[in-house]
PDB file of N, CA and C in Angstrom:
ATOM      1  N   MET A   1     263.056 131.853 191.685  1.00  0.00           N
ATOM      2  CA  MET A   1     261.539 131.055 190.569  1.00  0.00           C
ATOM      3  C   MET A   1     262.068 129.752 190.283  1.00  0.00           C
ATOM      4  N   ARG A   2     261.727 128.230 191.076  1.00  0.00           N
ATOM      5  CA  ARG A   2     262.126 127.081 190.684  1.00  0.00           C
ATOM      6  C   ARG A   2     261.492 126.404 189.432  1.00  0.00           C
ATOM      7  N   ARG A   3     262.764 125.627 188.305  1.00  0.00           N
ATOM      8  CA  ARG A   3     262.193 124.961 187.453  1.00  0.00           C
ATOM      9  C   ARG A   3     261.967 124.157 187.309  1.00  0.00           C
ATOM     10  N   LYS A   4     261.061 123.486 187.084  1.00  0.00           N
ATOM     11  CA  LYS A   4     260.910 121.977 187.137  1.00  0.00           C
ATOM     12  C   LYS A   4     261.237 120.860 186.386  1.00  0.00           C
ATOM     13  N   LYS A   5     261.979 119.782 186.441  1.00  0.00           N
ATOM     14  CA  LYS A   5     263.014 119.168 185.336  1.00  0.00           C
ATOM     15  C   LYS A   5     261.702 118.912 184.799  1.00  0.00           C
ATOM     16  N   SER A   6     262.787 118.392 183.902  1.00  0.00           N
ATOM     17  CA  SER A   6     261.370 117.641 182.468  1.00  0.00           C
ATOM     18  C   SER A   6     261.716 115.820 182.894  1.00  0.00           C
ATOM     19  N   SER A   7     260.664 115.407 183.435  1.00  0.00           N
ATOM     20  CA  SER A   7     260.572 113.766 183.646  1.00  0.00           C
ATOM     21  C   SER A   7     260.880 112.971 182.030  1.00  0.00           C
ATOM     22  N   SER A   8     260.458 113.690 181.182  1.00  0.00           N
ATOM     23  CA  SER A   8     260.591 112.959 180.230  1.00  0.00           C
ATOM     24  C   SER A   8     261.397 112.467 179.247  1.00  0.00           C
ATOM     25  N   GLY A   9     262.136 111.336 177.932  1.00  0.00           N
ATOM     26  CA  GLY A   9     262.958 110.886 177.907  1.00  0.00           C
ATOM     27  C   GLY A   9     263.854 110.209 178.759  1.00  0.00           C
ATOM     28  N   GLU A  10     264.634 109.530 178.218  1.00  0.00           N
ATOM     29  CA  GLU A  10     265.888 108.721 178.743  1.00  0.00           C
ATOM     30  C   GLU A  10     267.137 109.412 179.384  1.00  0.00           C
ATOM     31  N   THR A  11     267.409 108.839 180.391  1.00  0.00           N
ATOM     32  CA  THR A  11     268.314 109.808 180.971  1.00  0.00           C
ATOM     33  C   THR A  11     269.989 108.926 180.230  1.00  0.00           C
ATOM     34  N   LEU A  12     270.854 109.201 180.424  1.00  0.00           N
ATOM     35  CA  LEU A  12     272.099 108.594 180.168  1.00  0.00           C
ATOM     36  C   LEU A  12     272.456 107.329 180.081  1.00  0.00           C
ATOM     37  N   VAL A  13     271.822 106.909 181.795  1.00  0.00           N
ATOM     38  CA  VAL A  13     272.642 106.145 182.611  1.00  0.00           C
ATOM     39  C   VAL A  13     271.250 104.881 182.020  1.00  0.00           C
ATOM     40  N   GLU A  14     270.412 105.550 181.682  1.00  0.00           N
ATOM     41  CA  GLU A  14     269.688 104.422 180.864  1.00  0.00           C
ATOM     42  C   GLU A  14     269.647 103.507 179.865  1.00  0.00           C
ATOM     43  N   THR A  15     270.314 105.045 179.345  1.00  0.00           N
ATOM     44  CA  THR A  15     270.773 104.620 177.946  1.00  0.00           C
ATOM     45  C   THR A  15     271.640 103.962 177.262  1.00  0.00           C
ATOM     46  N   LEU A  16     272.638 104.009 178.341  1.00  0.00           N
ATOM     47  CA  LEU A  16     273.847 102.818 178.520  1.00  0.00           C
ATOM     48  C   LEU A  16     273.868 102.176 179.035  1.00  0.00           C
ATOM     49  N   ALA A  17     272.530 101.576 180.103  1.00  0.00           N
ATOM     50  CA  ALA A  17     272.466 100.394 180.682  1.00  0.00           C
ATOM     51  C   ALA A  17     271.794  99.370 179.915  1.00  0.00           C
ATOM     52  N   ALA A  18     271.221  99.945 178.499  1.00  0.00           N
ATOM     53  CA  ALA A  18     270.643  99.425 177.341  1.00  0.00           C
ATOM     54  C   ALA A  18     271.632  99.159 176.889  1.00  0.00           C
ATOM     55  N   LEU A  19     272.124  99.533 176.266  1.00  0.00           N
ATOM     56  CA  LEU A  19     273.738  99.084 175.671  1.00  0.00           C
ATOM     57  C   LEU A  19     274.053  98.326 175.994  1.00  0.00           C
ATOM     58  N   LEU A  20     274.615  98.100 177.173  1.00  0.00           N
ATOM     59  CA  LEU A  20     275.621  97.189 177.804  1.00  0.00           C
ATOM     60  C   LEU A  20     274.538  95.588 177.094  1.00  0.00           C
ATOM     61  N   LEU A  21     273.219  95.884 178.266  1.00  0.00           N
ATOM     62  CA  LEU A  21     272.244  95.256 178.150  1.00  0.00           C
ATOM     63  C   LEU A  21     273.375  94.422 176.443  1.00  0.00           C
ATOM     64  N   VAL A  22     272.825  95.149 175.174  1.00  0.00           N
ATOM     65  CA  VAL A  22     272.009  94.592 174.031  1.00  0.00           C
ATOM     66  C   VAL A  22     273.621  93.951 173.875  1.00  0.00           C
ATOM     67  N   VAL A  23     274.924  94.442 173.782  1.00  0.00           N
ATOM     68  CA  VAL A  23     276.212  93.820 173.218  1.00  0.00           C
ATOM     69  C   VAL A  23     276.473  92.776 174.370  1.00  0.00           C
ATOM     70  N   LEU A  24     276.385  92.545 175.437  1.00  0.00           N
ATOM     71  CA  LEU A  24     276.072  91.430 176.451  1.00  0.00           C
ATOM     72  C   LEU A  24     275.533  90.740 175.494  1.00  0.00           C
ATOM     73  N   SER A  25     274.115  90.457 175.350  1.00  0.00           N
ATOM     74  CA  SER A  25     273.498  90.025 174.519  1.00  0.00           C
ATOM     75  C   SER A  25     274.247  89.061 173.074  1.00  0.00           C
ATOM     76  N   GLY A  26     274.604  90.356 172.272  1.00  0.00           N
ATOM     77  CA  GLY A  26     275.348  89.892 171.131  1.00  0.00           C
ATOM     78  C   GLY A  26     276.546  89.227 171.808  1.00  0.00           C
ATOM     79  N   LEU A  27     277.238  89.288 172.508  1.00  0.00           N
ATOM     80  CA  LEU A  27     278.487  88.826 172.305  1.00  0.00           C
ATOM     81  C   LEU A  27     277.926  87.192 172.817  1.00  0.00           C
ATOM     82  N   LEU A  28     276.903  86.677 174.190  1.00  0.00           N
ATOM     83  CA  LEU A  28     276.434  85.449 174.072  1.00  0.00           C
ATOM     84  C   LEU A  28     276.506  85.028 173.027  1.00  0.00           C
ATOM     85  N   PHE A  29     275.054  85.603 171.565  1.00  0.00           N
ATOM     86  CA  PHE A  29     274.526  84.966 170.932  1.00  0.00           C
ATOM     87  C   PHE A  29     276.261  84.388 169.964  1.00  0.00           C
ATOM     88  N   LEU A  30     277.190  85.455 169.785  1.00  0.00           N
ATOM     89  CA  LEU A  30     277.966  84.938 168.916  1.00  0.00           C
ATOM     90  C   LEU A  30     279.090  83.383 169.555  1.00  0.00           C
ATOM     91  N   GLN A  31     279.009  83.841 170.851  1.00  0.00           N
ATOM     92  CA  GLN A  31     279.651  82.527 171.804  1.00  0.00           C
ATOM     93  C   GLN A  31     278.965  81.487 171.186  1.00  0.00           C
ATOM     94  N   MET A  32     277.473  81.962 171.361  1.00  0.00           N
ATOM     95  CA  MET A  32     276.437  80.217 171.254  1.00  0.00           C
ATOM     96  C   MET A  32     277.272  79.936 169.514  1.00  0.00           C
ATOM     97  N   THR A  33     276.939  80.900 168.658  1.00  0.00           N
ATOM     98  CA  THR A  33     277.188  80.077 167.380  1.00  0.00           C
ATOM     99  C   THR A  33     278.304  79.676 167.160  1.00  0.00           C
ATOM    100  N   MET A  34     279.438  79.794 167.622  1.00  0.00           N
ATOM    101  CA  MET A  34     280.893  79.381 167.626  1.00  0.00           C
ATOM    102  C   MET A  34     280.915  78.341 168.455  1.00  0.00           C
ATOM    103  N   ALA A  35     280.686  77.986 169.758  1.00  0.00           N
ATOM    104  CA  ALA A  35     279.858  76.551 169.827  1.00  0.00           C
ATOM    105  C   ALA A  35     279.378  75.905 168.926  1.00  0.00           C
ATOM    106  N   SER A  36     278.280  75.764 168.541  1.00  0.00           N
ATOM    107  CA  SER A  36     278.110  74.927 167.859  1.00  0.00           C
ATOM    108  C   SER A  36     278.783  75.151 166.559  1.00  0.00           C
ATOM    109  N   THR A  37     279.386  75.622 166.267  1.00  0.00           N
ATOM    110  CA  THR A  37     280.201  75.367 164.623  1.00  0.00           C
ATOM    111  C   THR A  37     281.132  74.373 165.016  1.00  0.00           C
ATOM    112  N   LYS A  38     281.551  74.913 166.474  1.00  0.00           N
ATOM    113  CA  LYS A  38     282.672  73.977 166.684  1.00  0.00           C
ATOM    114  C   LYS A  38     282.254  72.932 166.374  1.00  0.00           C
ATOM    115  N   MET A  39     281.416  72.330 168.021  1.00  0.00           N
ATOM    116  CA  MET A  39     280.693  70.315 167.729  1.00  0.00           C
ATOM    117  C   MET A  39     280.302  70.410 166.449  1.00  0.00           C
ATOM    118  N   SER A  40     279.432  70.961 165.965  1.00  0.00           N
ATOM    119  CA  SER A  40     279.111  70.213 164.270  1.00  0.00           C
ATOM    120  C   SER A  40     280.042  70.527 163.828  1.00  0.00           C
ATOM    121  N   ALA A  41     281.312  70.653 163.850  1.00  0.00           N
ATOM    122  CA  ALA A  41     282.977  69.967 163.365  1.00  0.00           C
ATOM    123  C   ALA A  41     283.113  68.744 163.629  1.00  0.00           C
ATOM    124  N   GLN A  42     282.818  69.048 165.218  1.00  0.00           N
ATOM    125  CA  GLN A  42     283.330  67.354 165.054  1.00  0.00           C
ATOM    126  C   GLN A  42     282.991  65.964 165.595  1.00  0.00           C
ATOM    127  N   ALA A  43     281.449  66.349 164.884  1.00  0.00           N
ATOM    128  CA  ALA A  43     280.294  65.574 164.954  1.00  0.00           C
ATOM    129  C   ALA A  43     280.453  65.319 163.004  1.00  0.00           C
ATOM    130  N   LYS A  44     281.017  65.917 162.414  1.00  0.00           N
ATOM    131  CA  LYS A  44     280.385  65.559 161.202  1.00  0.00           C
ATOM    132  C   LYS A  44     282.579  64.598 160.419  1.00  0.00           C
ATOM    133  N   GLU A  45     283.123  64.923 161.271  1.00  0.00           N
ATOM    134  CA  GLU A  45     284.296  64.447 161.434  1.00  0.00           C
ATOM    135  C   GLU A  45     284.616  62.780 162.471  1.00  0.00           C
ATOM    136  N   LEU A  46     283.893  62.928 163.428  1.00  0.00           N
ATOM    137  CA  LEU A  46     283.328  61.315 164.002  1.00  0.00           C
ATOM    138  C   LEU A  46     282.219  60.772 163.441  1.00  0.00           C
ATOM    139  N   ASP A  47     281.927  60.841 162.556  1.00  0.00           N
ATOM    140  CA  ASP A  47     280.457  60.771 161.356  1.00  0.00           C
ATOM    141  C   ASP A  47     281.793  59.815 160.662  1.00  0.00           C
ATOM    142  N   ALA A  48     282.399  60.829 159.686  1.00  0.00           N
ATOM    143  CA  ALA A  48     283.554  61.007 158.591  1.00  0.00           C
ATOM    144  C   ALA A  48     284.469  59.197 158.303  1.00  0.00           C
ATOM    145  N   LEU A  49     284.947  58.789 160.401  1.00  0.00           N
ATOM    146  CA  LEU A  49     285.919  58.258 160.949  1.00  0.00           C
ATOM    147  C   LEU A  49     284.634  57.167 161.090  1.00  0.00           C
ATOM    148  N   TYR A  50     283.404  56.622 161.924  1.00  0.00           N
ATOM    149  CA  TYR A  50     282.800  56.056 161.547  1.00  0.00           C
ATOM    150  C   TYR A  50     282.778  54.861 160.464  1.00  0.00           C
ATOM    151  N   GLN A  51     282.267  56.051 159.631  1.00  0.00           N
ATOM    152  CA  GLN A  51     282.112  55.490 158.222  1.00  0.00           C
ATOM    153  C   GLN A  51     282.787  54.637 157.490  1.00  0.00           C
ATOM    154  N   ARG A  52     284.364  55.088 158.016  1.00  0.00           N
ATOM    155  CA  ARG A  52     284.967  54.284 157.156  1.00  0.00           C
ATOM    156  C   ARG A  52     285.461  53.601 158.175  1.00  0.00           C
ATOM    157  N   VAL A  53     285.530  53.033 158.978  1.00  0.00           N
ATOM    158  CA  VAL A  53     285.990  51.415 160.512  1.00  0.00           C
ATOM    159  C   VAL A  53     284.586  50.888 159.332  1.00  0.00           C
ATOM    160  N   LEU A  54     282.997  51.340 159.323  1.00  0.00           N
ATOM    161  CA  LEU A  54     282.293  50.268 159.496  1.00  0.00           C
ATOM    162  C   LEU A  54     282.244  49.800 157.714  1.00  0.00           C
ATOM    163  N   ALA A  55     282.805  50.584 156.612  1.00  0.00           N
ATOM    164  CA  ALA A  55     283.195  49.887 155.405  1.00  0.00           C
ATOM    165  C   ALA A  55     284.417  48.954 155.326  1.00  0.00           C
ATOM    166  N   ALA A  56     285.322  49.476 156.769  1.00  0.00           N
ATOM    167  CA  ALA A  56     286.108  48.290 156.797  1.00  0.00           C
ATOM    168  C   ALA A  56     285.303  46.943 157.169  1.00  0.00           C
ATOM    169  N   ALA A  57     284.900  47.200 158.573  1.00  0.00           N
ATOM    170  CA  ALA A  57     284.542  45.833 159.261  1.00  0.00           C
ATOM    171  C   ALA A  57     283.379  45.235 158.430  1.00  0.00           C
ATOM    172  N   GLU A  58     283.233  45.669 157.492  1.00  0.00           N
ATOM    173  CA  GLU A  58     281.612  45.124 156.189  1.00  0.00           C
ATOM    174  C   GLU A  58     282.367  44.674 155.104  1.00  0.00           C
ATOM    175  N   LYS A  59     283.918  44.780 154.748  1.00  0.00           N
ATOM    176  CA  LYS A  59     284.622  43.628 153.976  1.00  0.00           C
ATOM    177  C   LYS A  59     284.761  42.926 153.952  1.00  0.00           C
ATOM    178  N   GLN A  60     285.709  43.383 155.465  1.00  0.00           N
ATOM    179  CA  GLN A  60     286.501  41.778 156.455  1.00  0.00           C
ATOM    180  C   GLN A  60     287.397  41.673 155.450  1.00  0.00           C
ATOM    181  N   GLY A  61     288.321  42.900 155.741  1.00  0.00           N
ATOM    182  CA  GLY A  61     289.555  42.874 154.589  1.00  0.00           C
ATOM    183  C   GLY A  61     290.908  42.508 155.224  1.00  0.00           C
ATOM    184  N   ALA A  62     290.560  42.504 156.103  1.00  0.00           N
ATOM    185  CA  ALA A  62     291.749  42.250 157.398  1.00  0.00           C
ATOM    186  C   ALA A  62     291.981  41.345 158.126  1.00  0.00           C
ATOM    187  N   SER A  63     292.637  40.525 158.494  1.00  0.00           N
ATOM    188  CA  SER A  63     293.543  39.653 159.194  1.00  0.00           C
ATOM    189  C   SER A  63     291.923  39.257 160.766  1.00  0.00           C
ATOM    190  N   PRO A  64     292.046  37.954 161.017  1.00  0.00           N
ATOM    191  CA  PRO A  64     291.109  37.825 161.609  1.00  0.00           C
ATOM    192  C   PRO A  64     291.635  37.782 162.984  1.00  0.00           C
ATOM    193  N   VAL A  65     291.208  38.868 164.354  1.00  0.00           N
ATOM    194  CA  VAL A  65     291.651  38.602 165.549  1.00  0.00           C
ATOM    195  C   VAL A  65     291.978  37.404 166.084  1.00  0.00           C
ATOM    196  N   SER A  66     290.577  36.795 166.048  1.00  0.00           N
ATOM    197  CA  SER A  66     291.038  35.311 166.230  1.00  0.00           C
ATOM    198  C   SER A  66     289.700  34.534 166.120  1.00  0.00           C
ATOM    199  N   SER A  67     289.363  33.077 166.477  1.00  0.00           N
ATOM    200  CA  SER A  67     288.130  32.722 165.860  1.00  0.00           C
ATOM    201  C   SER A  67     287.183  32.080 167.376  1.00  0.00           C
ATOM    202  N   GLY A  68     286.442  31.307 167.084  1.00  0.00           N
ATOM    203  CA  GLY A  68     285.842  30.925 168.016  1.00  0.00           C
ATOM    204  C   GLY A  68     283.987  30.260 167.923  1.00  0.00           C
ATOM    205  N   SER A  69     283.298  30.295 168.447  1.00  0.00           N
ATOM    206  CA  SER A  69     282.138  29.551 168.031  1.00  0.00           C
ATOM    207  C   SER A  69     280.965  30.081 169.052  1.00  0.00           C
ATOM    208  N   ILE A  70     280.096  30.654 167.993  1.00  0.00           N
ATOM    209  CA  ILE A  70     278.582  31.021 168.331  1.00  0.00           C
ATOM    210  C   ILE A  70     277.645  30.205 168.380  1.00  0.00           C
ATOM    211  N   GLU A  71     276.503  30.347 169.328  1.00  0.00           N
ATOM    212  CA  GLU A  71     275.332  29.481 169.060  1.00  0.00           C
ATOM    213  C   GLU A  71     274.175  31.303 169.211  1.00  0.00           C
ATOM    214  N   ILE A  72     273.462  30.523 167.424  1.00  0.00           N
ATOM    215  CA  ILE A  72     272.466  31.209 167.172  1.00  0.00           C
ATOM    216  C   ILE A  72     270.889  30.585 166.678  1.00  0.00           C
ATOM    217  N   GLY A  73     270.073  29.984 167.624  1.00  0.00           N
ATOM    218  CA  GLY A  73     268.724  29.036 167.425  1.00  0.00           C
ATOM    219  C   GLY A  73     268.565  28.270 168.191  1.00  0.00           C
ATOM    220  N   GLY A  74     269.753  28.086 168.786  1.00  0.00           N
ATOM    221  CA  GLY A  74     270.745  26.180 168.992  1.00  0.00           C
ATOM    222  C   GLY A  74     271.416  25.099 168.239  1.00  0.00           C
ATOM    223  N   ARG A  75     272.102  26.363 167.512  1.00  0.00           N
ATOM    224  CA  ARG A  75     272.976  25.866 165.521  1.00  0.00           C
ATOM    225  C   ARG A  75     274.263  26.188 166.581  1.00  0.00           C
ATOM    226  N   ASP A  76     275.511  25.660 166.498  1.00  0.00           N
ATOM    227  CA  ASP A  76     276.176  26.165 167.286  1.00  0.00           C
ATOM    228  C   ASP A  76     277.144  26.410 165.276  1.00  0.00           C
ATOM    229  N   TYR A  77     278.059  27.877 165.652  1.00  0.00           N
ATOM    230  CA  TYR A  77     278.433  28.140 163.773  1.00  0.00           C
ATOM    231  C   TYR A  77     280.095  28.794 164.425  1.00  0.00           C
ATOM    232  N   ASP A  78     281.054  28.096 163.874  1.00  0.00           N
ATOM    233  CA  ASP A  78     282.803  28.072 163.656  1.00  0.00           C
ATOM    234  C   ASP A  78     282.481  30.113 163.416  1.00  0.00           C
ATOM    235  N   VAL A  79     283.201  31.001 163.854  1.00  0.00           N
ATOM    236  CA  VAL A  79     283.396  32.198 163.527  1.00  0.00           C
ATOM    237  C   VAL A  79     284.897  32.983 163.604  1.00  0.00           C
ATOM    238  N   ASN A  80     285.489  33.603 162.684  1.00  0.00           N
ATOM    239  CA  ASN A  80     286.211  34.486 162.938  1.00  0.00           C
ATOM    240  C   ASN A  80     286.007  35.915 162.950  1.00  0.00           C
ATOM    241  N   TYR A  81     286.403  36.415 163.961  1.00  0.00           N
ATOM    242  CA  TYR A  81     286.772  37.868 164.503  1.00  0.00           C
ATOM    243  C   TYR A  81     287.433  38.926 164.632  1.00  0.00           C
ATOM    244  N   TYR A  82     286.804  39.885 164.009  1.00  0.00           N
ATOM    245  CA  TYR A  82     287.232  40.823 162.919  1.00  0.00           C
ATOM    246  C   TYR A  82     287.286  41.918 163.860  1.00  0.00           C
ATOM    247  N   ALA A  83     288.176  42.904 164.049  1.00  0.00           N
ATOM    248  CA  ALA A  83     288.869  44.113 164.728  1.00  0.00           C
ATOM    249  C   ALA A  83     289.175  45.704 164.153  1.00  0.00           C
ATOM    250  N   TYR A  84     288.403  46.178 163.510  1.00  0.00           N
ATOM    251  CA  TYR A  84     289.057  48.130 162.833  1.00  0.00           C
ATOM    252  C   TYR A  84     289.144  48.705 163.823  1.00  0.00           C
ATOM    253  N   SER A  85     290.005  49.805 164.009  1.00  0.00           N
ATOM    254  CA  SER A  85     289.533  50.989 164.261  1.00  0.00           C
ATOM    255  C   SER A  85     291.065  51.840 162.915  1.00  0.00           C
ATOM    256  N   SER A  86     290.781  52.969 163.895  1.00  0.00           N
ATOM    257  CA  SER A  86     291.293  54.568 162.880  1.00  0.00           C
ATOM    258  C   SER A  86     292.609  54.518 163.040  1.00  0.00           C
ATOM    259  N   GLY A  87     292.942  54.213 163.838  1.00  0.00           N
ATOM    260  CA  GLY A  87     294.321  53.835 163.953  1.00  0.00           C
ATOM    261  C   GLY A  87     295.212  55.211 164.602  1.00  0.00           C
ATOM    262  N   THR A  88     294.526  56.116 165.422  1.00  0.00           N
ATOM    263  CA  THR A  88     294.678  57.058 166.422  1.00  0.00           C
ATOM    264  C   THR A  88     293.361  56.780 167.826  1.00  0.00           C
ATOM    265  N   SER A  89     292.649  55.764 167.737  1.00  0.00           N
ATOM    266  CA  SER A  89     291.820  55.383 168.369  1.00  0.00           C
ATOM    267  C   SER A  89     291.645  54.361 169.201  1.00  0.00           C
ATOM    268  N   SER A  90     291.730  53.755 170.396  1.00  0.00           N
ATOM    269  CA  SER A  90     291.878  52.711 171.177  1.00  0.00           C
ATOM    270  C   SER A  90     290.864  52.418 170.265  1.00  0.00           C
ATOM    271  N   GLU A  91     289.107  53.002 170.486  1.00  0.00           N
ATOM    272  CA  GLU A  91     288.337  52.273 170.022  1.00  0.00           C
ATOM    273  C   GLU A  91     288.290  51.443 169.208  1.00  0.00           C
ATOM    274  N   LYS A  92     287.412  50.634 169.154  1.00  0.00           N
ATOM    275  CA  LYS A  92     287.031  49.303 167.857  1.00  0.00           C
ATOM    276  C   LYS A  92     285.978  49.287 167.304  1.00  0.00           C
ATOM    277  N   LEU A  93     285.654  48.421 166.369  1.00  0.00           N
ATOM    278  CA  LEU A  93     284.274  47.964 165.731  1.00  0.00           C
ATOM    279  C   LEU A  93     284.829  46.373 165.636  1.00  0.00           C
ATOM    280  N   TYR A  94     284.048  45.574 166.394  1.00  0.00           N
ATOM    281  CA  TYR A  94     283.913  44.463 165.867  1.00  0.00           C
ATOM    282  C   TYR A  94     283.105  44.117 164.629  1.00  0.00           C
ATOM    283  N   SER A  95     283.358  42.952 164.131  1.00  0.00           N
ATOM    284  CA  SER A  95     282.466  42.130 163.447  1.00  0.00           C
ATOM    285  C   SER A  95     282.984  40.529 163.568  1.00  0.00           C
ATOM    286  N   TYR A  96     281.824  39.452 163.581  1.00  0.00           N
ATOM    287  CA  TYR A  96     282.721  38.351 163.148  1.00  0.00           C
ATOM    288  C   TYR A  96     281.945  37.918 161.501  1.00  0.00           C
ATOM    289  N   ALA A  97     282.835  36.537 161.085  1.00  0.00           N
ATOM    290  CA  ALA A  97     282.264  35.823 160.182  1.00  0.00           C
ATOM    291  C   ALA A  97     282.246  34.418 160.026  1.00  0.00           C
ATOM    292  N   GLN A  98     281.036  33.938 159.309  1.00  0.00           N
ATOM    293  CA  GLN A  98     281.519  31.923 159.471  1.00  0.00           C
ATOM    294  C   GLN A  98     282.583  32.273 159.114  1.00  0.00           C
ATOM    295  N   SER A  99     283.691  31.166 159.627  1.00  0.00           N
ATOM    296  CA  SER A  99     284.873  30.429 159.160  1.00  0.00           C
ATOM    297  C   SER A  99     285.322  30.047 157.395  1.00  0.00           C
ATOM    298  N   ASP A 100     284.117  29.172 157.482  1.00  0.00           N
ATOM    299  CA  ASP A 100     283.841  28.397 156.315  1.00  0.00           C
ATOM    300  C   ASP A 100     283.474  29.443 154.279  1.00  0.00           C
ATOM    301  N   GLY A 101     283.117  31.083 155.534  1.00  0.00           N
ATOM    302  CA  GLY A 101     282.829  32.196 154.484  1.00  0.00           C
ATOM    303  C   GLY A 101     281.713  32.538 154.201  1.00  0.00           C
ATOM    304  N   GLY A 102     280.651  31.559 154.749  1.00  0.00           N
ATOM    305  CA  GLY A 102     279.307  31.077 154.523  1.00  0.00           C
ATOM    306  C   GLY A 102     278.192  32.561 155.552  1.00  0.00           C
TER     307      GLY A 102
END
C-alpha cells in the first residue's frame, strides 16, 4: 500500500530560499544606511567649509586680488575684488567692495 505524502507545510528548500531573501534584504538595507551616513557626513563637512569661506568673504579681511569698475543702474563704481578659499581646494568664493570702503 502506498502512503500519500503530506503536501501541507513548507519544504526545507522553500525555507532556505526565504531565509536567503531576508538576509540579502538586510544586507542591502545596511549598505544603504552606511552610504547615507557617509553622504551626510560629507555634506556636513562641505557646509562647514562653505560657512567658513562665506564668513571670511563677508569680513573682507583679505587683501584684494584686483580692482576694477562695475556699472550698476547706469552708474560706475570702483571696486576691489577678493577671493577666498579653504587652502585645500582650488575652488574660490569671490566678493567685491567699493574701493572707497562704502
